[in-house]
Every structure is written in C-alpha cells, then in structure tokens.
C-alpha cells in the first residue's frame, strides 16, 4: 500500500516533498528601495507585501548608463551582485521604483 504524504511537521517545521515545490513565476525586476538599496530578482506582490525570489543585492552597477542598462543587458563585467540566500521581503511603500528587466538577459544570472 503506497500512500502519498503531502507534508510532515517535525518540531513545528513543515516539510513537503521536493516534487511538490513549484518554481516561482513572475517578472524579473530591479527594485530600488529606501536608503539606497538596489536588488534584482523575480518580483511578486500581494497587496502591499512584496518579495524578490532568487534575489541579489546590486552592490556595484558597473554601468555607464545606469540601472536601465543593467535591466536591458543583464549584469556586466564590472557589476557586483551579492546573492541573497532566501527571499527578500519588503513593503511596497519602501520601494522607490521598479524597472522591468529583459528576461533573456537575466534568466541564468539569478
């Protein structure tokens, strides 16, 4: 008798089968937050709660034409990205602006 287990809770932590985790779908965006933080990742918004999945903080743009150049071309030779391990969460009110990225330029860079 094979019975599928949908989840298991051990010491208050829920575990699920690896094949049940779906890849996050959404637009890749650069987000400029208050205090000068810039991040890039797969953008998700529900109400005022925002998340960036597979995100990186953009420590150095490395561009001659600003963030728009990064959005269009992806990371350049001089661009410095600091990978975030986990999900970057923020309130929409802390967002200064978002820039939609060219998906092909960023697809394998996150």
PDB file of N, CA and C in Angstrom:
ATOM      1  N   UNK A   1       0.835  -1.175   0.000  1.00  0.00           N
ATOM      2  CA  UNK A   1       0.000   0.000   0.000  1.00  0.00           C
ATOM      3  C   UNK A   1       0.880   1.240   0.000  1.00  0.00           C
ATOM      4  N   UNK A   2       0.803   2.049  -1.072  1.00  0.00           N
ATOM      5  CA  UNK A   2       1.543   3.300  -1.189  1.00  0.00           C
ATOM      6  C   UNK A   2       0.607   4.448  -0.938  1.00  0.00           C
ATOM      7  N   UNK A   3       0.900   5.228   0.058  1.00  0.00           N
ATOM      8  CA  UNK A   3       0.090   6.404   0.345  1.00  0.00           C
ATOM      9  C   UNK A   3       1.002   7.621   0.339  1.00  0.00           C
ATOM     10  N   UNK A   4       0.657   8.607  -0.464  1.00  0.00           N
ATOM     11  CA  UNK A   4       1.468   9.817  -0.591  1.00  0.00           C
ATOM     12  C   UNK A   4       1.268  10.716   0.630  1.00  0.00           C
ATOM     13  N   UNK A   5       2.377  11.211   1.156  1.00  0.00           N
ATOM     14  CA  UNK A   5       2.335  12.152   2.272  1.00  0.00           C
ATOM     15  C   UNK A   5       2.519  13.548   1.697  1.00  0.00           C
ATOM     16  N   UNK A   6       1.546  14.437   1.930  1.00  0.00           N
ATOM     17  CA  UNK A   6       1.616  15.802   1.395  1.00  0.00           C
ATOM     18  C   UNK A   6       2.532  16.701   2.202  1.00  0.00           C
ATOM     19  N   UNK A   7       2.611  16.470   3.510  1.00  0.00           N
ATOM     20  CA  UNK A   7       3.523  17.248   4.340  1.00  0.00           C
ATOM     21  C   UNK A   7       3.730  16.523   5.658  1.00  0.00           C
ATOM     22  N   UNK A   8       4.788  16.910   6.342  1.00  0.00           N
ATOM     23  CA  UNK A   8       5.144  16.302   7.609  1.00  0.00           C
ATOM     24  C   UNK A   8       5.651  17.418   8.511  1.00  0.00           C
ATOM     25  N   UNK A   9       5.171  17.481   9.745  1.00  0.00           N
ATOM     26  CA  UNK A   9       5.590  18.519  10.682  1.00  0.00           C
ATOM     27  C   UNK A   9       6.452  17.875  11.763  1.00  0.00           C
ATOM     28  N   UNK A  10       7.678  18.390  11.899  1.00  0.00           N
ATOM     29  CA  UNK A  10       8.598  17.918  12.919  1.00  0.00           C
ATOM     30  C   UNK A  10       9.052  19.127  13.724  1.00  0.00           C
ATOM     31  N   UNK A  11       8.773  19.104  15.012  1.00  0.00           N
ATOM     32  CA  UNK A  11       9.133  20.199  15.921  1.00  0.00           C
ATOM     33  C   UNK A  11       8.690  21.556  15.378  1.00  0.00           C
ATOM     34  N   UNK A  12       7.476  21.587  14.851  1.00  0.00           N
ATOM     35  CA  UNK A  12       6.891  22.849  14.389  1.00  0.00           C
ATOM     36  C   UNK A  12       7.314  23.300  13.002  1.00  0.00           C
ATOM     37  N   UNK A  13       8.174  22.540  12.319  1.00  0.00           N
ATOM     38  CA  UNK A  13       8.626  22.890  10.969  1.00  0.00           C
ATOM     39  C   UNK A  13       7.945  21.959   9.980  1.00  0.00           C
ATOM     40  N   UNK A  14       7.296  22.542   8.957  1.00  0.00           N
ATOM     41  CA  UNK A  14       6.611  21.741   7.958  1.00  0.00           C
ATOM     42  C   UNK A  14       7.548  21.389   6.816  1.00  0.00           C
ATOM     43  N   UNK A  15       7.584  20.110   6.456  1.00  0.00           N
ATOM     44  CA  UNK A  15       8.390  19.614   5.348  1.00  0.00           C
ATOM     45  C   UNK A  15       7.450  19.070   4.275  1.00  0.00           C
ATOM     46  N   UNK A  16       7.786  19.336   2.993  1.00  0.00           N
ATOM     47  CA  UNK A  16       6.963  18.873   1.878  1.00  0.00           C
ATOM     48  C   UNK A  16       7.852  18.136   0.885  1.00  0.00           C
ATOM     49  N   UNK A  17       7.268  17.235   0.074  1.00  0.00           N
ATOM     50  CA  UNK A  17       8.066  16.548  -0.939  1.00  0.00           C
ATOM     51  C   UNK A  17       8.666  17.538  -1.938  1.00  0.00           C
ATOM     52  N   UNK A  18       9.896  17.261  -2.352  1.00  0.00           N
ATOM     53  CA  UNK A  18      10.598  18.168  -3.271  1.00  0.00           C
ATOM     54  C   UNK A  18       9.847  18.357  -4.577  1.00  0.00           C
ATOM     55  N   UNK A  19       9.166  17.327  -5.044  1.00  0.00           N
ATOM     56  CA  UNK A  19       8.458  17.451  -6.322  1.00  0.00           C
ATOM     57  C   UNK A  19       7.173  18.266  -6.225  1.00  0.00           C
ATOM     58  N   UNK A  20       6.805  18.678  -5.009  1.00  0.00           N
ATOM     59  CA  UNK A  20       5.604  19.497  -4.856  1.00  0.00           C
ATOM     60  C   UNK A  20       5.911  20.995  -4.872  1.00  0.00           C
ATOM     61  N   UNK A  21       7.195  21.347  -4.866  1.00  0.00           N
ATOM     62  CA  UNK A  21       7.589  22.755  -4.865  1.00  0.00           C
ATOM     63  C   UNK A  21       7.614  23.259  -6.299  1.00  0.00           C
ATOM     64  N   UNK A  22       6.834  24.295  -6.555  1.00  0.00           N
ATOM     65  CA  UNK A  22       6.764  24.861  -7.904  1.00  0.00           C
ATOM     66  C   UNK A  22       7.741  26.011  -8.030  1.00  0.00           C
ATOM     67  N   UNK A  23       8.294  26.148  -9.207  1.00  0.00           N
ATOM     68  CA  UNK A  23       9.195  27.264  -9.469  1.00  0.00           C
ATOM     69  C   UNK A  23       8.395  28.561  -9.450  1.00  0.00           C
ATOM     70  N   UNK A  24       8.953  29.583  -8.842  1.00  0.00           N
ATOM     71  CA  UNK A  24       8.295  30.880  -8.772  1.00  0.00           C
ATOM     72  C   UNK A  24       8.247  31.483 -10.166  1.00  0.00           C
ATOM     73  N   UNK A  25       7.085  31.928 -10.563  1.00  0.00           N
ATOM     74  CA  UNK A  25       6.938  32.585 -11.856  1.00  0.00           C
ATOM     75  C   UNK A  25       6.632  34.051 -11.631  1.00  0.00           C
ATOM     76  N   UNK A  26       7.230  34.896 -12.424  1.00  0.00           N
ATOM     77  CA  UNK A  26       6.985  36.320 -12.324  1.00  0.00           C
ATOM     78  C   UNK A  26       7.993  37.065 -13.167  1.00  0.00           C
ATOM     79  N   UNK A  27       7.834  38.363 -13.172  1.00  0.00           N
ATOM     80  CA  UNK A  27       8.736  39.207 -13.935  1.00  0.00           C
ATOM     81  C   UNK A  27      10.023  39.444 -13.156  1.00  0.00           C
ATOM     82  N   UNK A  28      11.128  39.491 -13.864  1.00  0.00           N
ATOM     83  CA  UNK A  28      12.392  39.859 -13.246  1.00  0.00           C
ATOM     84  C   UNK A  28      12.448  41.379 -13.217  1.00  0.00           C
ATOM     85  N   UNK A  29      12.697  41.921 -12.026  1.00  0.00           N
ATOM     86  CA  UNK A  29      12.725  43.374 -11.872  1.00  0.00           C
ATOM     87  C   UNK A  29      13.896  43.802 -11.004  1.00  0.00           C
ATOM     88  N   UNK A  30      14.376  44.993 -11.300  1.00  0.00           N
ATOM     89  CA  UNK A  30      15.294  45.689 -10.403  1.00  0.00           C
ATOM     90  C   UNK A  30      14.422  46.567  -9.521  1.00  0.00           C
ATOM     91  N   UNK A  31      14.647  46.489  -8.214  1.00  0.00           N
ATOM     92  CA  UNK A  31      13.875  47.284  -7.263  1.00  0.00           C
ATOM     93  C   UNK A  31      14.840  48.187  -6.511  1.00  0.00           C
ATOM     94  N   UNK A  32      14.546  49.480  -6.509  1.00  0.00           N
ATOM     95  CA  UNK A  32      15.313  50.429  -5.703  1.00  0.00           C
ATOM     96  C   UNK A  32      14.486  50.702  -4.458  1.00  0.00           C
ATOM     97  N   UNK A  33      15.095  50.427  -3.302  1.00  0.00           N
ATOM     98  CA  UNK A  33      14.422  50.604  -2.024  1.00  0.00           C
ATOM     99  C   UNK A  33      14.968  51.825  -1.309  1.00  0.00           C
ATOM    100  N   UNK A  34      14.291  52.222  -0.259  1.00  0.00           N
ATOM    101  CA  UNK A  34      14.758  53.354   0.543  1.00  0.00           C
ATOM    102  C   UNK A  34      16.159  53.074   1.077  1.00  0.00           C
ATOM    103  N   UNK A  35      16.863  54.139   1.380  1.00  0.00           N
ATOM    104  CA  UNK A  35      18.234  54.084   1.903  1.00  0.00           C
ATOM    105  C   UNK A  35      19.248  53.621   0.877  1.00  0.00           C
ATOM    106  N   UNK A  36      18.867  53.640  -0.415  1.00  0.00           N
ATOM    107  CA  UNK A  36      19.819  53.368  -1.476  1.00  0.00           C
ATOM    108  C   UNK A  36      20.050  51.913  -1.817  1.00  0.00           C
ATOM    109  N   UNK A  37      19.265  51.005  -1.280  1.00  0.00           N
ATOM    110  CA  UNK A  37      19.419  49.589  -1.606  1.00  0.00           C
ATOM    111  C   UNK A  37      18.828  49.308  -2.980  1.00  0.00           C
ATOM    112  N   UNK A  38      19.558  48.561  -3.800  1.00  0.00           N
ATOM    113  CA  UNK A  38      19.069  48.114  -5.104  1.00  0.00           C
ATOM    114  C   UNK A  38      19.173  46.598  -5.135  1.00  0.00           C
ATOM    115  N   UNK A  39      18.110  45.955  -5.603  1.00  0.00           N
ATOM    116  CA  UNK A  39      18.086  44.497  -5.664  1.00  0.00           C
ATOM    117  C   UNK A  39      17.445  44.067  -6.972  1.00  0.00           C
ATOM    118  N   UNK A  40      17.736  42.841  -7.373  1.00  0.00           N
ATOM    119  CA  UNK A  40      17.157  42.280  -8.592  1.00  0.00           C
ATOM    120  C   UNK A  40      16.694  40.863  -8.283  1.00  0.00           C
ATOM    121  N   UNK A  41      15.561  40.475  -8.847  1.00  0.00           N
ATOM    122  CA  UNK A  41      15.051  39.127  -8.638  1.00  0.00           C
ATOM    123  C   UNK A  41      13.697  38.957  -9.294  1.00  0.00           C
ATOM    124  N   UNK A  42      13.080  37.821  -9.027  1.00  0.00           N
ATOM    125  CA  UNK A  42      11.748  37.532  -9.557  1.00  0.00           C
ATOM    126  C   UNK A  42      10.743  38.170  -8.614  1.00  0.00           C
ATOM    127  N   UNK A  43      10.023  39.151  -9.130  1.00  0.00           N
ATOM    128  CA  UNK A  43       9.166  40.034  -8.337  1.00  0.00           C
ATOM    129  C   UNK A  43       7.789  39.416  -8.111  1.00  0.00           C
ATOM    130  N   UNK A  44       7.335  39.485  -6.873  1.00  0.00           N
ATOM    131  CA  UNK A  44       5.993  39.046  -6.507  1.00  0.00           C
ATOM    132  C   UNK A  44       5.381  40.097  -5.593  1.00  0.00           C
ATOM    133  N   UNK A  45       4.114  40.434  -5.845  1.00  0.00           N
ATOM    134  CA  UNK A  45       3.430  41.406  -4.992  1.00  0.00           C
ATOM    135  C   UNK A  45       2.022  40.930  -4.704  1.00  0.00           C
ATOM    136  N   UNK A  46       1.673  40.965  -3.421  1.00  0.00           N
ATOM    137  CA  UNK A  46       0.316  40.671  -2.967  1.00  0.00           C
ATOM    138  C   UNK A  46      -0.078  41.787  -2.019  1.00  0.00           C
ATOM    139  N   UNK A  47      -0.940  42.686  -2.507  1.00  0.00           N
ATOM    140  CA  UNK A  47      -1.289  43.859  -1.706  1.00  0.00           C
ATOM    141  C   UNK A  47      -0.066  44.732  -1.538  1.00  0.00           C
ATOM    142  N   UNK A  48       0.282  45.041  -0.302  1.00  0.00           N
ATOM    143  CA  UNK A  48       1.469  45.873  -0.055  1.00  0.00           C
ATOM    144  C   UNK A  48       2.700  45.031   0.277  1.00  0.00           C
ATOM    145  N   UNK A  49       2.534  43.708   0.337  1.00  0.00           N
ATOM    146  CA  UNK A  49       3.652  42.810   0.617  1.00  0.00           C
ATOM    147  C   UNK A  49       4.347  42.421  -0.684  1.00  0.00           C
ATOM    148  N   UNK A  50       5.645  42.693  -0.749  1.00  0.00           N
ATOM    149  CA  UNK A  50       6.430  42.394  -1.953  1.00  0.00           C
ATOM    150  C   UNK A  50       7.546  41.420  -1.598  1.00  0.00           C
ATOM    151  N   UNK A  51       7.916  40.608  -2.595  1.00  0.00           N
ATOM    152  CA  UNK A  51       9.013  39.657  -2.425  1.00  0.00           C
ATOM    153  C   UNK A  51       9.850  39.630  -3.687  1.00  0.00           C
ATOM    154  N   UNK A  52      11.127  39.393  -3.510  1.00  0.00           N
ATOM    155  CA  UNK A  52      12.035  39.109  -4.612  1.00  0.00           C
ATOM    156  C   UNK A  52      12.607  37.723  -4.374  1.00  0.00           C
ATOM    157  N   UNK A  53      12.328  36.813  -5.302  1.00  0.00           N
ATOM    158  CA  UNK A  53      12.830  35.445  -5.223  1.00  0.00           C
ATOM    159  C   UNK A  53      14.107  35.354  -6.051  1.00  0.00           C
ATOM    160  N   UNK A  54      15.020  34.459  -5.641  1.00  0.00           N
ATOM    161  CA  UNK A  54      16.317  34.292  -6.317  1.00  0.00           C
ATOM    162  C   UNK A  54      17.024  35.643  -6.433  1.00  0.00           C
ATOM    163  N   UNK A  55      16.941  36.429  -5.418  1.00  0.00           N
ATOM    164  CA  UNK A  55      17.387  37.821  -5.464  1.00  0.00           C
ATOM    165  C   UNK A  55      18.878  37.993  -5.196  1.00  0.00           C
ATOM    166  N   UNK A  56      19.368  39.123  -5.676  1.00  0.00           N
ATOM    167  CA  UNK A  56      20.718  39.594  -5.370  1.00  0.00           C
ATOM    168  C   UNK A  56      20.654  41.084  -5.085  1.00  0.00           C
ATOM    169  N   UNK A  57      21.484  41.532  -4.156  1.00  0.00           N
ATOM    170  CA  UNK A  57      21.678  42.966  -3.934  1.00  0.00           C
ATOM    171  C   UNK A  57      22.685  43.435  -4.971  1.00  0.00           C
ATOM    172  N   UNK A  58      22.393  44.559  -5.605  1.00  0.00           N
ATOM    173  CA  UNK A  58      23.320  45.121  -6.597  1.00  0.00           C
ATOM    174  C   UNK A  58      24.278  46.048  -5.851  1.00  0.00           C
ATOM    175  N   UNK A  59      25.457  45.536  -5.522  1.00  0.00           N
ATOM    176  CA  UNK A  59      26.444  46.322  -4.765  1.00  0.00           C
ATOM    177  C   UNK A  59      27.122  47.356  -5.664  1.00  0.00           C
ATOM    178  N   UNK A  60      27.446  46.948  -6.907  1.00  0.00           N
ATOM    179  CA  UNK A  60      28.075  47.872  -7.858  1.00  0.00           C
ATOM    180  C   UNK A  60      27.390  47.682  -9.206  1.00  0.00           C
ATOM    181  N   UNK A  61      26.884  48.787  -9.750  1.00  0.00           N
ATOM    182  CA  UNK A  61      26.187  48.715 -11.028  1.00  0.00           C
ATOM    183  C   UNK A  61      27.142  48.312 -12.147  1.00  0.00           C
ATOM    184  N   UNK A  62      28.302  48.967 -12.208  1.00  0.00           N
ATOM    185  CA  UNK A  62      29.275  48.665 -13.251  1.00  0.00           C
ATOM    186  C   UNK A  62      28.831  49.100 -14.634  1.00  0.00           C
ATOM    187  N   UNK A  63      27.993  50.125 -14.689  1.00  0.00           N
ATOM    188  CA  UNK A  63      27.447  50.580 -15.968  1.00  0.00           C
ATOM    189  C   UNK A  63      27.918  51.993 -16.284  1.00  0.00           C
ATOM    190  N   UNK A  64      27.742  52.400 -17.527  1.00  0.00           N
ATOM    191  CA  UNK A  64      27.975  53.794 -17.895  1.00  0.00           C
ATOM    192  C   UNK A  64      26.643  54.503 -18.144  1.00  0.00           C
ATOM    193  N   UNK A  65      25.539  53.715 -18.169  1.00  0.00           N
ATOM    194  CA  UNK A  65      24.219  54.282 -18.457  1.00  0.00           C
ATOM    195  C   UNK A  65      23.186  53.959 -17.377  1.00  0.00           C
ATOM    196  N   UNK A  66      23.634  53.627 -16.171  1.00  0.00           N
ATOM    197  CA  UNK A  66      22.728  53.447 -15.051  1.00  0.00           C
ATOM    198  C   UNK A  66      22.011  52.117 -14.995  1.00  0.00           C
ATOM    199  N   UNK A  67      20.980  52.058 -14.147  1.00  0.00           N
ATOM    200  CA  UNK A  67      20.248  50.825 -13.920  1.00  0.00           C
ATOM    201  C   UNK A  67      19.480  50.348 -15.148  1.00  0.00           C
ATOM    202  N   UNK A  68      19.075  51.269 -16.005  1.00  0.00           N
ATOM    203  CA  UNK A  68      18.387  50.881 -17.232  1.00  0.00           C
ATOM    204  C   UNK A  68      19.256  49.986 -18.107  1.00  0.00           C
ATOM    205  N   UNK A  69      20.553  50.255 -18.124  1.00  0.00           N
ATOM    206  CA  UNK A  69      21.488  49.427 -18.881  1.00  0.00           C
ATOM    207  C   UNK A  69      21.548  48.012 -18.296  1.00  0.00           C
ATOM    208  N   UNK A  70      21.535  47.916 -16.963  1.00  0.00           N
ATOM    209  CA  UNK A  70      21.515  46.603 -16.321  1.00  0.00           C
ATOM    210  C   UNK A  70      20.223  45.854 -16.626  1.00  0.00           C
ATOM    211  N   UNK A  71      19.103  46.570 -16.584  1.00  0.00           N
ATOM    212  CA  UNK A  71      17.806  45.943 -16.863  1.00  0.00           C
ATOM    213  C   UNK A  71      17.770  45.363 -18.269  1.00  0.00           C
ATOM    214  N   UNK A  72      18.348  46.080 -19.203  1.00  0.00           N
ATOM    215  CA  UNK A  72      18.328  45.660 -20.608  1.00  0.00           C
ATOM    216  C   UNK A  72      19.348  44.564 -20.914  1.00  0.00           C
ATOM    217  N   UNK A  73      20.571  44.721 -20.403  1.00  0.00           N
ATOM    218  CA  UNK A  73      21.681  43.845 -20.792  1.00  0.00           C
ATOM    219  C   UNK A  73      22.043  42.767 -19.777  1.00  0.00           C
ATOM    220  N   UNK A  74      21.484  42.837 -18.570  1.00  0.00           N
ATOM    221  CA  UNK A  74      21.901  41.921 -17.515  1.00  0.00           C
ATOM    222  C   UNK A  74      23.199  42.395 -16.891  1.00  0.00           C
ATOM    223  N   UNK A  75      23.742  41.625 -15.949  1.00  0.00           N
ATOM    224  CA  UNK A  75      24.968  42.049 -15.280  1.00  0.00           C
ATOM    225  C   UNK A  75      26.142  42.139 -16.250  1.00  0.00           C
ATOM    226  N   UNK A  76      26.928  43.186 -16.086  1.00  0.00           N
ATOM    227  CA  UNK A  76      28.087  43.436 -16.930  1.00  0.00           C
ATOM    228  C   UNK A  76      29.358  42.985 -16.216  1.00  0.00           C
ATOM    229  N   UNK A  77      30.486  43.120 -16.879  1.00  0.00           N
ATOM    230  CA  UNK A  77      31.770  42.678 -16.321  1.00  0.00           C
ATOM    231  C   UNK A  77      32.058  43.335 -14.966  1.00  0.00           C
ATOM    232  N   UNK A  78      31.751  44.615 -14.832  1.00  0.00           N
ATOM    233  CA  UNK A  78      32.048  45.354 -13.600  1.00  0.00           C
ATOM    234  C   UNK A  78      30.914  45.325 -12.573  1.00  0.00           C
ATOM    235  N   UNK A  79      29.803  44.690 -12.894  1.00  0.00           N
ATOM    236  CA  UNK A  79      28.667  44.602 -11.970  1.00  0.00           C
ATOM    237  C   UNK A  79      29.005  43.641 -10.839  1.00  0.00           C
ATOM    238  N   UNK A  80      28.670  44.040  -9.617  1.00  0.00           N
ATOM    239  CA  UNK A  80      28.868  43.184  -8.449  1.00  0.00           C
ATOM    240  C   UNK A  80      27.511  42.870  -7.833  1.00  0.00           C
ATOM    241  N   UNK A  81      27.146  41.586  -7.835  1.00  0.00           N
ATOM    242  CA  UNK A  81      25.896  41.122  -7.249  1.00  0.00           C
ATOM    243  C   UNK A  81      26.199  40.296  -6.014  1.00  0.00           C
ATOM    244  N   UNK A  82      25.482  40.568  -4.930  1.00  0.00           N
ATOM    245  CA  UNK A  82      25.605  39.772  -3.704  1.00  0.00           C
ATOM    246  C   UNK A  82      24.354  38.923  -3.577  1.00  0.00           C
ATOM    247  N   UNK A  83      24.497  37.611  -3.774  1.00  0.00           N
ATOM    248  CA  UNK A  83      23.373  36.679  -3.751  1.00  0.00           C
ATOM    249  C   UNK A  83      22.719  36.667  -2.375  1.00  0.00           C
ATOM    250  N   UNK A  84      21.404  36.758  -2.358  1.00  0.00           N
ATOM    251  CA  UNK A  84      20.631  36.638  -1.123  1.00  0.00           C
ATOM    252  C   UNK A  84      20.154  35.194  -1.021  1.00  0.00           C
ATOM    253  N   UNK A  85      20.433  34.557   0.060  1.00  0.00           N
ATOM    254  CA  UNK A  85      20.003  33.166   0.241  1.00  0.00           C
ATOM    255  C   UNK A  85      18.695  33.209   1.018  1.00  0.00           C
ATOM    256  N   UNK A  86      17.620  33.055   0.294  1.00  0.00           N
ATOM    257  CA  UNK A  86      16.284  33.201   0.860  1.00  0.00           C
ATOM    258  C   UNK A  86      15.513  34.222   0.048  1.00  0.00           C
ATOM    259  N   UNK A  87      14.410  34.655   0.587  1.00  0.00           N
ATOM    260  CA  UNK A  87      13.525  35.588  -0.102  1.00  0.00           C
ATOM    261  C   UNK A  87      13.699  36.974   0.500  1.00  0.00           C
ATOM    262  N   UNK A  88      13.836  37.989  -0.359  1.00  0.00           N
ATOM    263  CA  UNK A  88      13.891  39.376   0.105  1.00  0.00           C
ATOM    264  C   UNK A  88      12.454  39.870   0.182  1.00  0.00           C
ATOM    265  N   UNK A  89      12.041  40.286   1.372  1.00  0.00           N
ATOM    266  CA  UNK A  89      10.675  40.764   1.586  1.00  0.00           C
ATOM    267  C   UNK A  89      10.706  42.235   1.970  1.00  0.00           C
ATOM    268  N   UNK A  90       9.739  42.997   1.444  1.00  0.00           N
ATOM    269  CA  UNK A  90       9.668  44.415   1.764  1.00  0.00           C
ATOM    270  C   UNK A  90       8.244  44.914   1.545  1.00  0.00           C
ATOM    271  N   UNK A  91       7.922  46.019   2.168  1.00  0.00           N
ATOM    272  CA  UNK A  91       6.623  46.648   1.988  1.00  0.00           C
ATOM    273  C   UNK A  91       6.681  47.537   0.757  1.00  0.00           C
ATOM    274  N   UNK A  92       5.644  47.556  -0.033  1.00  0.00           N
ATOM    275  CA  UNK A  92       5.613  48.357  -1.254  1.00  0.00           C
ATOM    276  C   UNK A  92       5.927  49.825  -0.996  1.00  0.00           C
ATOM    277  N   UNK A  93       5.571  50.347   0.180  1.00  0.00           N
ATOM    278  CA  UNK A  93       5.817  51.758   0.484  1.00  0.00           C
ATOM    279  C   UNK A  93       7.306  52.076   0.624  1.00  0.00           C
ATOM    280  N   UNK A  94       8.159  51.049   0.794  1.00  0.00           N
ATOM    281  CA  UNK A  94       9.604  51.291   0.889  1.00  0.00           C
ATOM    282  C   UNK A  94      10.271  51.239  -0.483  1.00  0.00           C
ATOM    283  N   UNK A  95       9.486  50.948  -1.510  1.00  0.00           N
ATOM    284  CA  UNK A  95      10.005  50.869  -2.872  1.00  0.00           C
ATOM    285  C   UNK A  95       9.992  52.254  -3.513  1.00  0.00           C
ATOM    286  N   UNK A  96      11.150  52.677  -4.002  1.00  0.00           N
ATOM    287  CA  UNK A  96      11.263  53.966  -4.684  1.00  0.00           C
ATOM    288  C   UNK A  96      10.849  53.806  -6.141  1.00  0.00           C
ATOM    289  N   UNK A  97      11.337  52.741  -6.784  1.00  0.00           N
ATOM    290  CA  UNK A  97      10.968  52.455  -8.168  1.00  0.00           C
ATOM    291  C   UNK A  97      11.296  51.018  -8.501  1.00  0.00           C
ATOM    292  N   UNK A  98      10.643  50.508  -9.550  1.00  0.00           N
ATOM    293  CA  UNK A  98      10.976  49.197 -10.088  1.00  0.00           C
ATOM    294  C   UNK A  98      11.242  49.351 -11.578  1.00  0.00           C
ATOM    295  N   UNK A  99      12.148  48.543 -12.081  1.00  0.00           N
ATOM    296  CA  UNK A  99      12.475  48.549 -13.511  1.00  0.00           C
ATOM    297  C   UNK A  99      12.324  47.124 -14.023  1.00  0.00           C
ATOM    298  N   UNK A 100      11.463  46.939 -15.013  1.00  0.00           N
ATOM    299  CA  UNK A 100      11.306  45.621 -15.619  1.00  0.00           C
ATOM    300  C   UNK A 100      12.576  45.271 -16.387  1.00  0.00           C
ATOM    301  N   UNK A 101      13.045  44.048 -16.216  1.00  0.00           N
ATOM    302  CA  UNK A 101      14.266  43.602 -16.873  1.00  0.00           C
ATOM    303  C   UNK A 101      13.936  42.773 -18.108  1.00  0.00           C
ATOM    304  N   UNK A 102      14.853  42.776 -19.054  1.00  0.00           N
ATOM    305  CA  UNK A 102      14.749  41.902 -20.214  1.00  0.00           C
ATOM    306  C   UNK A 102      15.038  40.489 -19.720  1.00  0.00           C
ATOM    307  N   UNK A 103      14.025  39.644 -19.767  1.00  0.00           N
ATOM    308  CA  UNK A 103      14.102  38.304 -19.182  1.00  0.00           C
ATOM    309  C   UNK A 103      15.316  37.507 -19.681  1.00  0.00           C
ATOM    310  N   UNK A 104      15.567  37.528 -20.994  1.00  0.00           N
ATOM    311  CA  UNK A 104      16.655  36.737 -21.564  1.00  0.00           C
ATOM    312  C   UNK A 104      18.020  37.158 -21.013  1.00  0.00           C
ATOM    313  N   UNK A 105      18.163  38.433 -20.673  1.00  0.00           N
ATOM    314  CA  UNK A 105      19.455  38.938 -20.190  1.00  0.00           C
ATOM    315  C   UNK A 105      19.740  38.505 -18.757  1.00  0.00           C
ATOM    316  N   UNK A 106      18.698  38.189 -17.987  1.00  0.00           N
ATOM    317  CA  UNK A 106      18.846  37.855 -16.584  1.00  0.00           C
ATOM    318  C   UNK A 106      18.539  36.404 -16.257  1.00  0.00           C
ATOM    319  N   UNK A 107      17.918  35.689 -17.166  1.00  0.00           N
ATOM    320  CA  UNK A 107      17.366  34.357 -16.881  1.00  0.00           C
ATOM    321  C   UNK A 107      18.348  33.439 -16.153  1.00  0.00           C
ATOM    322  N   UNK A 108      19.557  33.311 -16.608  1.00  0.00           N
ATOM    323  CA  UNK A 108      20.521  32.397 -15.980  1.00  0.00           C
ATOM    324  C   UNK A 108      21.490  33.099 -15.042  1.00  0.00           C
ATOM    325  N   UNK A 109      21.182  34.345 -14.678  1.00  0.00           N
ATOM    326  CA  UNK A 109      22.091  35.120 -13.830  1.00  0.00           C
ATOM    327  C   UNK A 109      21.612  35.222 -12.389  1.00  0.00           C
ATOM    328  N   UNK A 110      20.393  34.778 -12.132  1.00  0.00           N
ATOM    329  CA  UNK A 110      19.839  34.889 -10.766  1.00  0.00           C
ATOM    330  C   UNK A 110      20.097  33.640  -9.958  1.00  0.00           C
TER     331      UNK A 110
END
